[in-house]
Amino acid sequence: MRLIKIKGCGDRPKVVLVLAHGAGAPADSPFMETLARALGQQGIDTVRFEFPYMQKRRLDGKKRPPDRQPALLQHFSLLVDEIRGELGDRARLLIGGKSMGGRMASILASQREGIDGVACFGFPFHPPGKLDRWRTGHFHELKSPMLVLQGTRDPFGKPAEMAGHEKELEFVNLRWLEGGNHDFQPLKSQQLTQSDLIDRAARETRLFVDECLMV
């Protein structure tokens, strides 16, 4: 198991987010690096890891599809147990991730206890162009608060497409990043950068932690 730790709160962090990568990019992709730094600046310590298929890709350079969902969830859950054991009661433990990683985090949080919150960065509400295949059926089973940071241009779920799904969305805190796509890239006309939107996502995550978890 490969862990990448970015310290944001010293040796005894108060908030730790286990951050999973998306389907096609590793734990140290530019997006994940920038996000981890931004979260660290908000006092949120992150632990990044890679699912087995991505670990194999790192070893031999061959691209592979993601492991099946049960394998992804088992790997994620074992890591959560490991980190919870290390932290004890010293920190709030969140899980989350980019795209597929965030989706796996949300499913895991609907199946087990021991997780204080979920933070997803670009949630794949549905495959692009396939509005008949929504992936929100488990939201009502969430056992902890959940935050979704979503770009308004994300083909995996745009604001106008949320209509008719209000019941499932009652169980999540959905925050929109104006102009962002699935990787939080804004429109050129906005005179913003991807880093600006990632910073905004990190600030929203801090607010979520303070409002929902630090009680």
C-alpha atoms as a PDB file:
ATOM      1  CA  MET A   1       0.000   0.000   0.000  1.00  0.00           C
ATOM      2  CA  ARG A   2       1.438   3.343  -1.050  1.00  0.00           C
ATOM      3  CA  LEU A   3       0.662   6.319   1.165  1.00  0.00           C
ATOM      4  CA  ILE A   4       1.419   9.964   0.482  1.00  0.00           C
ATOM      5  CA  LYS A   5       1.022  12.231   3.489  1.00  0.00           C
ATOM      6  CA  ILE A   6       0.816  16.020   3.256  1.00  0.00           C
ATOM      7  CA  LYS A   7       0.974  17.560   6.702  1.00  0.00           C
ATOM      8  CA  GLY A   8      -1.350  20.441   7.403  1.00  0.00           C
ATOM      9  CA  CYS A   9      -1.726  20.384  11.179  1.00  0.00           C
ATOM     10  CA  GLY A  10       1.603  19.241  12.541  1.00  0.00           C
ATOM     11  CA  ASP A  11       2.185  15.843  14.095  1.00  0.00           C
ATOM     12  CA  ARG A  12      -1.224  15.730  15.793  1.00  0.00           C
ATOM     13  CA  PRO A  13      -3.768  16.774  13.146  1.00  0.00           C
ATOM     14  CA  LYS A  14      -7.314  17.593  14.189  1.00  0.00           C
ATOM     15  CA  VAL A  15      -8.846  16.866  10.787  1.00  0.00           C
ATOM     16  CA  VAL A  16      -7.648  14.126   8.419  1.00  0.00           C
ATOM     17  CA  LEU A  17      -9.067  13.483   4.954  1.00  0.00           C
ATOM     18  CA  VAL A  18      -8.297  10.175   3.248  1.00  0.00           C
ATOM     19  CA  LEU A  19      -8.236  11.267  -0.377  1.00  0.00           C
ATOM     20  CA  ALA A  20      -8.785   8.810  -3.244  1.00  0.00           C
ATOM     21  CA  HIS A  21      -7.803   9.444  -6.867  1.00  0.00           C
ATOM     22  CA  GLY A  22     -10.034   9.365  -9.930  1.00  0.00           C
ATOM     23  CA  ALA A  23     -10.324   6.514 -12.402  1.00  0.00           C
ATOM     24  CA  GLY A  24      -7.583   7.581 -14.791  1.00  0.00           C
ATOM     25  CA  ALA A  25      -5.006   9.573 -12.834  1.00  0.00           C
ATOM     26  CA  PRO A  26      -2.777   8.580  -9.884  1.00  0.00           C
ATOM     27  CA  ALA A  27      -2.607   9.940  -6.362  1.00  0.00           C
ATOM     28  CA  ASP A  28       0.146  12.379  -7.290  1.00  0.00           C
ATOM     29  CA  SER A  29      -1.500  13.873 -10.383  1.00  0.00           C
ATOM     30  CA  PRO A  30      -1.278  17.673 -10.686  1.00  0.00           C
ATOM     31  CA  PHE A  31      -4.910  18.014  -9.575  1.00  0.00           C
ATOM     32  CA  MET A  32      -4.378  15.870  -6.492  1.00  0.00           C
ATOM     33  CA  GLU A  33      -1.135  17.658  -5.609  1.00  0.00           C
ATOM     34  CA  THR A  34      -2.796  21.060  -5.856  1.00  0.00           C
ATOM     35  CA  LEU A  35      -5.857  19.930  -3.920  1.00  0.00           C
ATOM     36  CA  ALA A  36      -3.787  18.402  -1.112  1.00  0.00           C
ATOM     37  CA  ARG A  37      -1.781  21.618  -0.745  1.00  0.00           C
ATOM     38  CA  ALA A  38      -4.912  23.747  -0.716  1.00  0.00           C
ATOM     39  CA  LEU A  39      -6.551  21.556   1.922  1.00  0.00           C
ATOM     40  CA  GLY A  40      -3.383  21.656   4.002  1.00  0.00           C
ATOM     41  CA  GLN A  41      -3.517  25.441   3.962  1.00  0.00           C
ATOM     42  CA  GLN A  42      -7.001  25.146   5.440  1.00  0.00           C
ATOM     43  CA  GLY A  43      -5.750  22.958   8.280  1.00  0.00           C
ATOM     44  CA  ILE A  44      -6.981  19.691   6.769  1.00  0.00           C
ATOM     45  CA  ASP A  45      -4.333  16.974   6.780  1.00  0.00           C
ATOM     46  CA  THR A  46      -4.580  14.576   3.832  1.00  0.00           C
ATOM     47  CA  VAL A  47      -3.565  10.983   3.240  1.00  0.00           C
ATOM     48  CA  ARG A  48      -3.527   9.946  -0.402  1.00  0.00           C
ATOM     49  CA  PHE A  49      -3.349   6.357  -1.605  1.00  0.00           C
ATOM     50  CA  GLU A  50      -3.735   4.314  -4.752  1.00  0.00           C
ATOM     51  CA  PHE A  51      -6.119   1.497  -5.520  1.00  0.00           C
ATOM     52  CA  PRO A  52      -4.533  -1.842  -6.551  1.00  0.00           C
ATOM     53  CA  TYR A  53      -4.984  -1.321 -10.310  1.00  0.00           C
ATOM     54  CA  MET A  54      -3.195   2.034 -10.113  1.00  0.00           C
ATOM     55  CA  GLN A  55      -0.400   0.524  -8.029  1.00  0.00           C
ATOM     56  CA  LYS A  56       0.140  -2.048 -10.805  1.00  0.00           C
ATOM     57  CA  ARG A  57       0.168   0.708 -13.406  1.00  0.00           C
ATOM     58  CA  ARG A  58       2.876   2.503 -11.450  1.00  0.00           C
ATOM     59  CA  LEU A  59       4.989  -0.653 -11.482  1.00  0.00           C
ATOM     60  CA  ASP A  60       4.776  -1.540 -15.177  1.00  0.00           C
ATOM     61  CA  GLY A  61       3.366   1.568 -16.848  1.00  0.00           C
ATOM     62  CA  LYS A  62       0.396  -0.282 -18.356  1.00  0.00           C
ATOM     63  CA  LYS A  63      -2.989   1.424 -18.179  1.00  0.00           C
ATOM     64  CA  ARG A  64      -5.751  -0.666 -16.641  1.00  0.00           C
ATOM     65  CA  PRO A  65      -9.436  -0.125 -15.942  1.00  0.00           C
ATOM     66  CA  PRO A  66     -10.386   0.355 -12.284  1.00  0.00           C
ATOM     67  CA  ASP A  67     -10.819  -2.715 -10.120  1.00  0.00           C
ATOM     68  CA  ARG A  68     -14.388  -3.859  -9.555  1.00  0.00           C
ATOM     69  CA  GLN A  69     -16.322  -1.963  -6.933  1.00  0.00           C
ATOM     70  CA  PRO A  70     -16.056  -4.603  -4.153  1.00  0.00           C
ATOM     71  CA  ALA A  71     -12.258  -4.628  -4.480  1.00  0.00           C
ATOM     72  CA  LEU A  72     -12.082  -0.833  -4.460  1.00  0.00           C
ATOM     73  CA  LEU A  73     -14.270  -0.623  -1.367  1.00  0.00           C
ATOM     74  CA  GLN A  74     -12.369  -3.339   0.474  1.00  0.00           C
ATOM     75  CA  HIS A  75      -9.056  -1.589  -0.166  1.00  0.00           C
ATOM     76  CA  PHE A  76     -10.504   1.767   0.917  1.00  0.00           C
ATOM     77  CA  SER A  77     -12.095   0.307   4.052  1.00  0.00           C
ATOM     78  CA  LEU A  78      -8.909  -1.421   5.193  1.00  0.00           C
ATOM     79  CA  LEU A  79      -7.028   1.843   4.845  1.00  0.00           C
ATOM     80  CA  VAL A  80      -9.671   3.686   6.855  1.00  0.00           C
ATOM     81  CA  ASP A  81      -9.342   1.094   9.623  1.00  0.00           C
ATOM     82  CA  GLU A  82      -5.565   1.495   9.593  1.00  0.00           C
ATOM     83  CA  ILE A  83      -5.674   5.272   9.819  1.00  0.00           C
ATOM     84  CA  ARG A  84      -8.429   5.299  12.418  1.00  0.00           C
ATOM     85  CA  GLY A  85      -6.303   2.950  14.497  1.00  0.00           C
ATOM     86  CA  GLU A  86      -3.346   5.327  14.240  1.00  0.00           C
ATOM     87  CA  LEU A  87      -5.376   8.430  15.060  1.00  0.00           C
ATOM     88  CA  GLY A  88      -7.624   7.085  17.778  1.00  0.00           C
ATOM     89  CA  ASP A  89      -9.758   9.939  19.073  1.00  0.00           C
ATOM     90  CA  ARG A  90      -7.200  12.620  18.206  1.00  0.00           C
ATOM     91  CA  ALA A  91      -8.827  13.698  14.953  1.00  0.00           C
ATOM     92  CA  ARG A  92     -11.942  13.869  12.879  1.00  0.00           C
ATOM     93  CA  LEU A  93     -11.583  11.347  10.063  1.00  0.00           C
ATOM     94  CA  LEU A  94     -13.075  12.203   6.676  1.00  0.00           C
ATOM     95  CA  ILE A  95     -12.914  10.263   3.441  1.00  0.00           C
ATOM     96  CA  GLY A  96     -13.349  11.535  -0.085  1.00  0.00           C
ATOM     97  CA  GLY A  97     -11.739  11.898  -3.438  1.00  0.00           C
ATOM     98  CA  LYS A  98     -11.727  12.982  -7.032  1.00  0.00           C
ATOM     99  CA  SER A  99     -14.543  11.688  -9.245  1.00  0.00           C
ATOM    100  CA  MET A 100     -14.543   7.870  -8.909  1.00  0.00           C
ATOM    101  CA  GLY A 101     -12.582   8.156  -5.664  1.00  0.00           C
ATOM    102  CA  GLY A 102     -15.274  10.392  -4.197  1.00  0.00           C
ATOM    103  CA  ARG A 103     -17.996   8.058  -5.370  1.00  0.00           C
ATOM    104  CA  MET A 104     -16.296   5.099  -3.688  1.00  0.00           C
ATOM    105  CA  ALA A 105     -15.939   7.178  -0.525  1.00  0.00           C
ATOM    106  CA  SER A 106     -19.654   7.964  -0.528  1.00  0.00           C
ATOM    107  CA  ILE A 107     -20.598   4.309  -1.022  1.00  0.00           C
ATOM    108  CA  LEU A 108     -18.242   3.287   1.769  1.00  0.00           C
ATOM    109  CA  ALA A 109     -19.774   5.889   4.071  1.00  0.00           C
ATOM    110  CA  SER A 110     -23.210   4.430   3.338  1.00  0.00           C
ATOM    111  CA  GLN A 111     -22.057   0.954   4.379  1.00  0.00           C
ATOM    112  CA  ARG A 112     -20.015   1.394   7.538  1.00  0.00           C
ATOM    113  CA  GLU A 113     -19.490   3.394  10.700  1.00  0.00           C
ATOM    114  CA  GLY A 114     -16.298   5.058  11.884  1.00  0.00           C
ATOM    115  CA  ILE A 115     -16.272   7.866   9.311  1.00  0.00           C
ATOM    116  CA  ASP A 116     -16.987  11.437  10.410  1.00  0.00           C
ATOM    117  CA  GLY A 117     -17.644  12.964   6.994  1.00  0.00           C
ATOM    118  CA  VAL A 118     -17.257  12.701   3.226  1.00  0.00           C
ATOM    119  CA  ALA A 119     -15.849  15.296   0.805  1.00  0.00           C
ATOM    120  CA  CYS A 120     -16.112  14.721  -2.949  1.00  0.00           C
ATOM    121  CA  PHE A 121     -14.401  16.814  -5.600  1.00  0.00           C
ATOM    122  CA  GLY A 122     -16.201  16.477  -8.922  1.00  0.00           C
ATOM    123  CA  PHE A 123     -18.812  13.793  -8.255  1.00  0.00           C
ATOM    124  CA  PRO A 124     -19.788  11.505 -11.173  1.00  0.00           C
ATOM    125  CA  PHE A 125     -23.536  11.809 -10.708  1.00  0.00           C
ATOM    126  CA  HIS A 126     -24.011  10.073 -14.064  1.00  0.00           C
ATOM    127  CA  PRO A 127     -21.833   9.123 -17.055  1.00  0.00           C
ATOM    128  CA  PRO A 128     -21.587  12.054 -19.507  1.00  0.00           C
ATOM    129  CA  GLY A 129     -24.667  12.210 -21.680  1.00  0.00           C
ATOM    130  CA  LYS A 130     -26.406   9.353 -19.860  1.00  0.00           C
ATOM    131  CA  LEU A 131     -28.974  11.027 -17.636  1.00  0.00           C
ATOM    132  CA  ASP A 132     -30.770   7.721 -17.141  1.00  0.00           C
ATOM    133  CA  ARG A 133     -27.864   6.296 -15.130  1.00  0.00           C
ATOM    134  CA  TRP A 134     -27.729   8.300 -11.911  1.00  0.00           C
ATOM    135  CA  ARG A 135     -25.417   7.122  -9.147  1.00  0.00           C
ATOM    136  CA  THR A 136     -27.166   8.614  -6.145  1.00  0.00           C
ATOM    137  CA  GLY A 137     -29.301   5.720  -4.913  1.00  0.00           C
ATOM    138  CA  HIS A 138     -27.101   5.178  -1.858  1.00  0.00           C
ATOM    139  CA  PHE A 139     -27.206   8.781  -0.643  1.00  0.00           C
ATOM    140  CA  HIS A 140     -30.138   8.123   1.700  1.00  0.00           C
ATOM    141  CA  GLU A 141     -28.038   5.476   3.468  1.00  0.00           C
ATOM    142  CA  LEU A 142     -25.124   7.804   4.292  1.00  0.00           C
ATOM    143  CA  LYS A 143     -24.073   7.461   7.919  1.00  0.00           C
ATOM    144  CA  SER A 144     -22.178  10.765   8.034  1.00  0.00           C
ATOM    145  CA  PRO A 145     -22.459  14.258   6.490  1.00  0.00           C
ATOM    146  CA  MET A 146     -21.322  14.575   2.888  1.00  0.00           C
ATOM    147  CA  LEU A 147     -20.035  17.515   0.833  1.00  0.00           C
ATOM    148  CA  VAL A 148     -19.865  17.662  -2.965  1.00  0.00           C
ATOM    149  CA  LEU A 149     -17.842  20.345  -4.758  1.00  0.00           C
ATOM    150  CA  GLN A 150     -18.999  20.437  -8.365  1.00  0.00           C
ATOM    151  CA  GLY A 151     -18.125  22.612 -11.355  1.00  0.00           C
ATOM    152  CA  THR A 152     -21.127  24.126 -13.117  1.00  0.00           C
ATOM    153  CA  ARG A 153     -19.784  22.818 -16.474  1.00  0.00           C
ATOM    154  CA  ASP A 154     -19.105  19.287 -15.254  1.00  0.00           C
ATOM    155  CA  PRO A 155     -20.457  16.789 -17.818  1.00  0.00           C
ATOM    156  CA  PHE A 156     -20.894  14.301 -14.969  1.00  0.00           C
ATOM    157  CA  GLY A 157     -23.536  16.511 -13.379  1.00  0.00           C
ATOM    158  CA  LYS A 158     -24.571  20.124 -14.094  1.00  0.00           C
ATOM    159  CA  PRO A 159     -26.959  22.351 -12.107  1.00  0.00           C
ATOM    160  CA  ALA A 160     -29.860  22.036 -14.557  1.00  0.00           C
ATOM    161  CA  GLU A 161     -29.582  18.245 -14.410  1.00  0.00           C
ATOM    162  CA  MET A 162     -30.261  18.159 -10.675  1.00  0.00           C
ATOM    163  CA  ALA A 163     -33.970  18.783 -11.262  1.00  0.00           C
ATOM    164  CA  GLY A 164     -35.976  15.721 -10.315  1.00  0.00           C
ATOM    165  CA  HIS A 165     -33.290  14.451  -7.948  1.00  0.00           C
ATOM    166  CA  GLU A 166     -34.057  16.733  -5.029  1.00  0.00           C
ATOM    167  CA  LYS A 167     -34.950  13.830  -2.754  1.00  0.00           C
ATOM    168  CA  GLU A 168     -31.543  12.154  -3.063  1.00  0.00           C
ATOM    169  CA  LEU A 169     -29.737  15.492  -2.854  1.00  0.00           C
ATOM    170  CA  GLU A 170     -31.348  16.260   0.505  1.00  0.00           C
ATOM    171  CA  PHE A 171     -28.680  14.034   2.027  1.00  0.00           C
ATOM    172  CA  VAL A 172     -25.662  15.957   0.683  1.00  0.00           C
ATOM    173  CA  ASN A 173     -24.230  19.460   0.884  1.00  0.00           C
ATOM    174  CA  LEU A 174     -23.793  20.450  -2.767  1.00  0.00           C
ATOM    175  CA  ARG A 175     -21.605  23.479  -3.517  1.00  0.00           C
ATOM    176  CA  TRP A 176     -21.126  24.786  -7.061  1.00  0.00           C
ATOM    177  CA  LEU A 177     -17.875  26.148  -8.484  1.00  0.00           C
ATOM    178  CA  GLU A 178     -18.912  28.625 -11.149  1.00  0.00           C
ATOM    179  CA  GLY A 179     -17.538  27.826 -14.596  1.00  0.00           C
ATOM    180  CA  GLY A 180     -15.549  24.783 -13.482  1.00  0.00           C
ATOM    181  CA  ASN A 181     -15.438  21.566 -15.477  1.00  0.00           C
ATOM    182  CA  HIS A 182     -14.807  18.082 -14.075  1.00  0.00           C
ATOM    183  CA  ASP A 183     -11.219  19.076 -13.270  1.00  0.00           C
ATOM    184  CA  PHE A 184     -12.261  22.508 -11.933  1.00  0.00           C
ATOM    185  CA  GLN A 185     -10.893  24.273 -15.001  1.00  0.00           C
ATOM    186  CA  PRO A 186     -12.789  27.584 -15.354  1.00  0.00           C
ATOM    187  CA  LEU A 187     -13.695  29.459 -18.505  1.00  0.00           C
ATOM    188  CA  LYS A 188     -10.948  31.713 -19.853  1.00  0.00           C
ATOM    189  CA  SER A 189     -13.370  34.638 -19.681  1.00  0.00           C
ATOM    190  CA  GLN A 190     -13.549  34.275 -15.898  1.00  0.00           C
ATOM    191  CA  GLN A 191      -9.947  35.380 -15.444  1.00  0.00           C
ATOM    192  CA  LEU A 192      -9.539  32.621 -12.878  1.00  0.00           C
ATOM    193  CA  THR A 193      -7.278  29.613 -12.824  1.00  0.00           C
ATOM    194  CA  GLN A 194      -7.837  25.989 -11.921  1.00  0.00           C
ATOM    195  CA  SER A 195      -5.880  26.648  -8.735  1.00  0.00           C
ATOM    196  CA  ASP A 196      -8.309  29.436  -7.835  1.00  0.00           C
ATOM    197  CA  LEU A 197     -11.270  27.060  -8.011  1.00  0.00           C
ATOM    198  CA  ILE A 198      -9.383  24.354  -6.139  1.00  0.00           C
ATOM    199  CA  ASP A 199      -8.593  26.897  -3.418  1.00  0.00           C
ATOM    200  CA  ARG A 200     -12.284  27.762  -3.273  1.00  0.00           C
ATOM    201  CA  ALA A 201     -13.139  24.064  -2.965  1.00  0.00           C
ATOM    202  CA  ALA A 202     -10.680  23.757  -0.082  1.00  0.00           C
ATOM    203  CA  ARG A 203     -12.237  26.733   1.703  1.00  0.00           C
ATOM    204  CA  GLU A 204     -15.700  25.222   1.263  1.00  0.00           C
ATOM    205  CA  THR A 205     -14.376  21.968   2.711  1.00  0.00           C
ATOM    206  CA  ARG A 206     -13.097  23.852   5.754  1.00  0.00           C
ATOM    207  CA  LEU A 207     -16.507  25.480   6.221  1.00  0.00           C
ATOM    208  CA  PHE A 208     -18.182  22.081   5.917  1.00  0.00           C
ATOM    209  CA  VAL A 209     -15.898  20.652   8.596  1.00  0.00           C
ATOM    210  CA  ASP A 210     -16.470  23.609  10.919  1.00  0.00           C
ATOM    211  CA  GLU A 211     -20.242  23.654  10.461  1.00  0.00           C
ATOM    212  CA  CYS A 212     -21.011  19.937  10.366  1.00  0.00           C
ATOM    213  CA  LEU A 213     -18.257  18.144  12.229  1.00  0.00           C
ATOM    214  CA  MET A 214     -16.610  20.385  14.806  1.00  0.00           C
ATOM    215  CA  VAL A 215     -19.350  20.118  17.400  1.00  0.00           C
END
